[in-house]
Amino acid sequence: MSRKVTLFFTRAIALMAILSLPAIASAQQADIHQVVAALLGDTPMIADLRELTDEIGGRPTGSEANLKSVEWGLQKFKQAGVTARKEAFQMPRFWLERETRVSISGDASFSPSAVAMTFSVATGSDGQTASLVDGGFGTEADFARLGAAAKGAFMLVETHELLDIDGLFQEYADAVGTEKRALAADVAGVIYMSSRPKGLLYRHNASLGPDNKKPMMVMEREGAQRALRLLRAGKTLSITAYIDVDDRGPYDSYNVIGEIKGSEKPQEIVVIGAHLDSWGLGTGGNDNGCNVVMMIDIARQMKKIGLKPKRTIRFVLWNGEEQGLVGSWRYTQAHLDEMDNHVMATSIDIGSGRITGFFTNGRADILPAVDKALEPVGGLGPFVNINAPIVGTDNYDFMMQGVANLVGNHDPYNYGPNYHAESDTFDKVDLRQIRVNAAIVAALTYGFANMEVTWKRQSRADIQNLIDSTDLGVQMGYFNLMPGWLDGSRGRK
């Protein structure tokens, strides 16, 4: 589609959205008219995304590209005219892959492609050789079948092909049990079959995070399937794995913050954020560059129009999200004395598909306010808000601090199969839809910056009740987050 045709459609959408708005009854509604029209028009957002993905590229926290993206984001906020700064915080562990390769030998010889999972240990310069065993799907029954054969062997674990985000969360859930059992069986290491076909590789964290002590890898699906067929035909295989990683102690990273000061209640804060870091195999288009540039463009257009929200709007580009939601955690620690004044914290992090509503994370008391904030952009809906907790992005530590929080819910456009993968690139982003999403998020944010607030920050007891009454605790387990809640290092005291 040509640029002229694309602009025609976005302007048509802008007109339909404005015509769908209620009659202007206040200056606030007039402000929303302006910002919606601006964001649906011809803005620098797409050019920003191309710069971030094509010129800077993949942005693992700690990498040179990540540091470049911090300075890039800071300058973009400054050029937008908002107050901007970067805030340093400590990452608990530096981990970047240098090289991973494997070779299979025995009754057949071949060298499939593989990558190390984050927080995998290195194998040493000579690599590590061990027998390769069929780990099935890594279930209790599979470990019982292997018995003593698992000890000292590399376990190859089968996966279902990933089709959508539900499959992704099942993948995370299955890995927790598999890796716990593998550790107890004292395997040499775990190798997951890629859940994506056609040689596509991706990177997840080992489920124990920085506490992991084993080599952990993802192997191309077709090579892993070949190995499993051979093993199931009674053949004997060994594998030599070579993993070289830059694995060090704590270091400093940075969140990037742009801010529009509130005109009446500047001490009250509405946070809207998207994580800046990505994995380095691809260039972080859908995860999460498209939403980084959204934050910048909303700030840019609000400032250009001259909006004066009653509360302070704080736009944050989080870092360290992929390695344990660290940047947003450190923010809540650094701003602990402001937590009572955080009215809302919203995270946008599920790609570029149409925003269908928001997760309200167990806060039934904020559902009416979310509905009200979305009324001016009802023509861009419909919206269905889901009152269930979700873990896996930068709302988490606000939720555990008792702050009202939202996560955007999206149609799954190009998201699941490209998640954390080599294929997460600029061309996978729905460039038309991210303009529409920006208009939705801007209206929501401006609504919360101006409306009357009836909800309060939750107590630790309230948060514990949410854990006990929902699957929040189970989700925390997927990301090894429960220990931090229990020992008091994360969440409200």
Foldseek 3Di string as FASTA:
>chain_A
DDPVVLQVVLQVLLVLLQVLFDDDDDVLLVLLNQLLNVLSHDDCLLVQLCCQPVVLNAFAPPDPSVVVLQVVLQVLLVVLVFDKDKDKDKDFKDKDFDDKWKWKDFPDTDTFDKDWATLADFQDPVFDKFWEAEQEQLDPVSCVVCDLVQAAAEYEHEAAAWDFVVSVLVVLLSQLNNVVVSVVSNHQEYEYEDSFADQWDFYAHRQQFNVDDHTYMYTYNVVSVVVNVCVVVVTIMMMTMGTDMDIGGMDMDIKMKGKQAAPAARLAEEEEEEASHAARLAGCNFQPSLVSSLLSVLSSSCVVVPDHFRYMYMYMHFHPLRRFLPRLQVVCVVCVVSLQRYQEHEYEGQGQAAFQAKAFAQCPVCVVLQVVLQSSSCVSYVHDYHDHHDDRGNCVLSVLQQHGYIYTDGDNQLGTSPPRISPNGNVSHPVSRSSVVSSRVSSSRSSSSHDDGDDGRDANVVSVVSVVPHVVVSNCSSNVNVVCSVVVVTGHD
